[in-house]
Amino acid sequence: MRTRPQESPRVVATLVVTVLGTLAASALGASTLGACGPRASYTGNRYKSKEASFHVTAPRGGWKRLRKSHKEGGPDLAWHHRASHSTLSINSDCNQPDTPLKALTQHLLFGFTERAILSQQRQPMDGRESLHSHATGKLDGVPQHLRLVVLKKDECVYDLVLAAPNEKTLDRHTPTFNATVQSFATRN
């Protein structure tokens, strides 16, 4: 019997952020390249694309920004923590139909098997209500522990995601994720 070789943690991390961004956009009927196009930029904690603009402070302490080509799709911004095999990503999707926050959260979990939402809590964020979730699932058989934040504002949906290989690692990076979430702000 032939077994599949174990994928490297970086490959799994890149797969997680790409699947989360691409599947969420596809589930909503949007182009997977939308705000990720060649005219998007991130400088001085400011992300700007044709459709969306937001401020967010990059995570510190071992997080390295993942770069992507125009053809790859995936989230607007993503960082990888090599030592812990974790990823933190942010994606925007604009001009979508009005969809409840719970349904938008479920869209983020498309492609995962054995998925479960362990907790959810509505919290104010950037002048709106957001939904914060703790979830687990498997992606290509690899366990993932997730913190998900979904925000709707000004005809855009913003997803902030922390993915880690286990609960202990997720808990260790939750303060960094929370700081990133707290720094997030849309500005017109």
Protein backbone atom coordinates (compact mmCIF):
# COMPACT_ATOMS: atom_id res chain seq x y z
CA MET A 1 0.00 0.00 0.00
CA ARG A 2 1.33 3.38 -0.99
CA THR A 3 1.05 6.26 1.48
CA ARG A 4 0.95 9.91 0.69
CA PRO A 5 4.04 11.84 1.83
CA GLN A 6 3.48 14.23 4.71
CA GLU A 7 3.12 17.80 3.46
CA SER A 8 5.38 20.43 4.93
CA PRO A 9 3.82 22.80 7.50
CA ARG A 10 4.38 25.75 5.14
CA VAL A 11 2.47 23.97 2.37
CA VAL A 12 -0.39 23.22 4.77
CA ALA A 13 -0.39 26.83 6.03
CA THR A 14 -0.49 28.21 2.49
CA LEU A 15 -3.24 25.75 1.61
CA VAL A 16 -5.30 26.85 4.63
CA VAL A 17 -5.16 30.56 3.78
CA THR A 18 -5.76 29.95 0.08
CA VAL A 19 -8.70 27.64 0.71
CA LEU A 20 -10.24 29.98 3.28
CA GLY A 21 -10.01 33.01 1.00
CA THR A 22 -10.91 31.28 -2.24
CA LEU A 23 -13.79 29.18 -0.93
CA ALA A 24 -15.36 32.05 0.98
CA ALA A 25 -15.31 34.23 -2.12
CA SER A 26 -16.55 31.41 -4.34
CA ALA A 27 -19.36 30.55 -1.95
CA LEU A 28 -20.57 34.11 -2.21
CA GLY A 29 -20.33 34.07 -6.00
CA ALA A 30 -17.41 36.47 -6.14
CA SER A 31 -14.25 36.38 -8.17
CA THR A 32 -11.41 34.81 -6.22
CA LEU A 33 -9.10 37.50 -7.53
CA GLY A 34 -11.37 40.47 -6.70
CA ALA A 35 -9.56 42.59 -4.15
CA CYS A 36 -6.40 40.52 -4.59
CA GLY A 37 -5.69 41.95 -8.01
CA PRO A 38 -2.42 43.45 -9.16
CA ARG A 39 -3.35 46.96 -7.97
CA ALA A 40 -3.68 45.99 -4.32
CA SER A 41 -1.10 47.35 -1.88
CA TYR A 42 -0.20 47.08 1.79
CA THR A 43 2.02 49.84 3.12
CA GLY A 44 2.14 51.53 6.48
CA ASN A 45 -0.47 49.15 7.94
CA ARG A 46 -2.89 50.23 5.19
CA TYR A 47 -4.38 47.76 2.70
CA LYS A 48 -5.91 49.28 -0.41
CA SER A 49 -7.40 47.65 -3.47
CA LYS A 50 -9.92 48.63 -6.11
CA GLU A 51 -12.80 47.46 -3.90
CA ALA A 52 -11.67 47.64 -0.28
CA SER A 53 -9.51 49.71 2.01
CA PHE A 54 -8.63 49.00 5.62
CA HIS A 55 -6.03 49.57 8.30
CA VAL A 56 -4.54 46.64 10.19
CA THR A 57 -1.35 46.25 12.18
CA ALA A 58 0.77 43.30 11.08
CA PRO A 59 1.31 40.63 13.73
CA ARG A 60 4.68 40.68 15.48
CA GLY A 61 6.91 38.04 17.01
CA GLY A 62 7.89 35.56 14.31
CA TRP A 63 5.08 36.20 11.80
CA LYS A 64 6.24 36.53 8.17
CA ARG A 65 3.97 37.91 5.49
CA LEU A 66 3.08 35.47 2.73
CA ARG A 67 3.28 36.95 -0.75
CA LYS A 68 1.16 35.68 -3.60
CA SER A 69 0.97 36.16 -7.29
CA HIS A 70 -2.08 37.60 -9.06
CA LYS A 71 -3.05 34.10 -10.27
CA GLU A 72 -3.08 32.44 -6.83
CA GLY A 73 -6.20 34.05 -5.41
CA GLY A 74 -6.63 33.61 -1.69
CA PRO A 75 -6.83 36.25 1.05
CA ASP A 76 -5.84 39.90 0.78
CA LEU A 77 -3.18 39.56 3.50
CA ALA A 78 -1.68 36.52 5.19
CA TRP A 79 1.15 35.84 7.63
CA HIS A 80 2.80 32.55 8.55
CA HIS A 81 4.42 31.68 11.88
CA ARG A 82 6.99 29.11 10.86
CA ALA A 83 7.88 27.82 14.33
CA SER A 84 4.26 27.00 15.18
CA HIS A 85 2.95 26.22 11.68
CA SER A 86 0.15 28.77 12.11
CA THR A 87 -1.35 31.34 9.76
CA LEU A 88 -3.23 34.58 10.20
CA SER A 89 -5.18 35.94 7.24
CA ILE A 90 -7.49 38.79 6.30
CA ASN A 91 -9.79 38.89 3.32
CA SER A 92 -12.32 41.38 2.01
CA ASP A 93 -15.16 40.75 -0.41
CA CYS A 94 -17.29 43.66 -1.55
CA ASN A 95 -20.64 44.20 -3.25
CA GLN A 96 -22.18 40.99 -1.94
CA PRO A 97 -25.80 40.27 -1.10
CA ASP A 98 -26.80 40.82 2.51
CA THR A 99 -25.94 37.51 4.17
CA PRO A 100 -26.18 36.78 7.92
CA LEU A 101 -22.90 36.63 9.87
CA LYS A 102 -23.49 32.97 10.83
CA ALA A 103 -23.87 31.96 7.17
CA LEU A 104 -20.73 33.91 6.26
CA THR A 105 -18.86 32.05 8.99
CA GLN A 106 -20.06 28.72 7.60
CA HIS A 107 -18.76 29.78 4.17
CA LEU A 108 -15.27 30.03 5.67
CA LEU A 109 -15.46 26.37 6.65
CA PHE A 110 -16.31 25.03 3.18
CA GLY A 111 -13.67 22.50 2.18
CA PHE A 112 -13.09 21.37 5.76
CA THR A 113 -14.21 17.94 6.95
CA GLU A 114 -15.15 17.03 10.51
CA ARG A 115 -15.80 20.71 11.13
CA ALA A 116 -17.38 22.00 14.30
CA ILE A 117 -18.06 25.44 15.70
CA LEU A 118 -17.16 25.25 19.38
CA SER A 119 -18.27 28.76 20.35
CA GLN A 120 -19.59 31.96 18.84
CA GLN A 121 -19.97 35.44 20.24
CA ARG A 122 -21.19 38.70 18.73
CA GLN A 123 -18.92 41.65 19.50
CA PRO A 124 -18.73 45.27 18.38
CA MET A 125 -15.96 45.93 15.87
CA ASP A 126 -15.22 49.05 13.84
CA GLY A 127 -18.65 50.49 14.61
CA ARG A 128 -20.58 47.34 13.61
CA GLU A 129 -21.49 43.96 15.03
CA SER A 130 -19.06 41.13 14.20
CA LEU A 131 -19.22 37.40 14.86
CA HIS A 132 -16.23 35.78 16.59
CA SER A 133 -16.05 31.98 16.34
CA HIS A 134 -13.84 29.17 17.57
CA ALA A 135 -13.92 26.19 15.21
CA THR A 136 -12.10 22.98 14.35
CA GLY A 137 -11.93 20.89 11.21
CA LYS A 138 -9.65 18.96 8.92
CA LEU A 139 -8.21 20.18 5.65
CA ASP A 140 -6.90 17.35 3.50
CA GLY A 141 -6.94 15.23 6.66
CA VAL A 142 -4.80 17.71 8.61
CA PRO A 143 -6.44 19.01 11.83
CA GLN A 144 -6.91 22.77 12.08
CA HIS A 145 -8.01 24.87 15.02
CA LEU A 146 -9.47 28.21 14.01
CA ARG A 147 -10.43 31.61 15.34
CA LEU A 148 -12.75 33.33 12.86
CA VAL A 149 -14.02 36.90 12.86
CA VAL A 150 -16.59 38.05 10.30
CA LEU A 151 -17.58 41.69 9.88
CA LYS A 152 -19.97 43.33 7.40
CA LYS A 153 -19.49 47.03 6.77
CA ASP A 154 -20.11 49.39 3.86
CA GLU A 155 -21.13 46.65 1.40
CA CYS A 156 -18.03 44.59 2.21
CA VAL A 157 -17.46 41.42 4.20
CA TYR A 158 -14.19 41.16 6.11
CA ASP A 159 -12.88 37.80 7.36
CA LEU A 160 -10.03 37.59 9.86
CA VAL A 161 -8.77 34.06 10.51
CA LEU A 162 -6.20 32.45 12.76
CA ALA A 163 -5.43 28.81 11.89
CA ALA A 164 -3.20 26.57 14.04
CA PRO A 165 -2.43 22.84 14.08
CA ASN A 166 -3.64 22.30 17.67
CA GLU A 167 -5.53 23.95 20.53
CA LYS A 168 -2.41 24.81 22.54
CA THR A 169 -0.87 26.69 19.62
CA LEU A 170 -4.16 28.42 18.86
CA ASP A 171 -4.38 29.60 22.46
CA ARG A 172 -0.77 30.82 22.38
CA HIS A 173 -1.44 32.96 19.27
CA THR A 174 -4.90 34.19 20.28
CA PRO A 175 -3.54 37.38 21.99
CA THR A 176 -1.67 38.26 18.76
CA PHE A 177 -4.80 37.55 16.73
CA ASN A 178 -6.91 39.65 19.10
CA ALA A 179 -4.45 42.55 18.77
CA THR A 180 -4.68 42.29 14.99
CA VAL A 181 -8.49 42.22 15.18
CA GLN A 182 -8.51 45.23 17.51
CA SER A 183 -6.26 47.20 15.13
CA PHE A 184 -8.59 46.54 12.16
CA ALA A 185 -10.49 49.59 10.89
CA THR A 186 -12.10 50.52 7.63
CA ARG A 187 -11.60 54.08 6.53
CA ASN A 188 -13.32 55.86 3.68
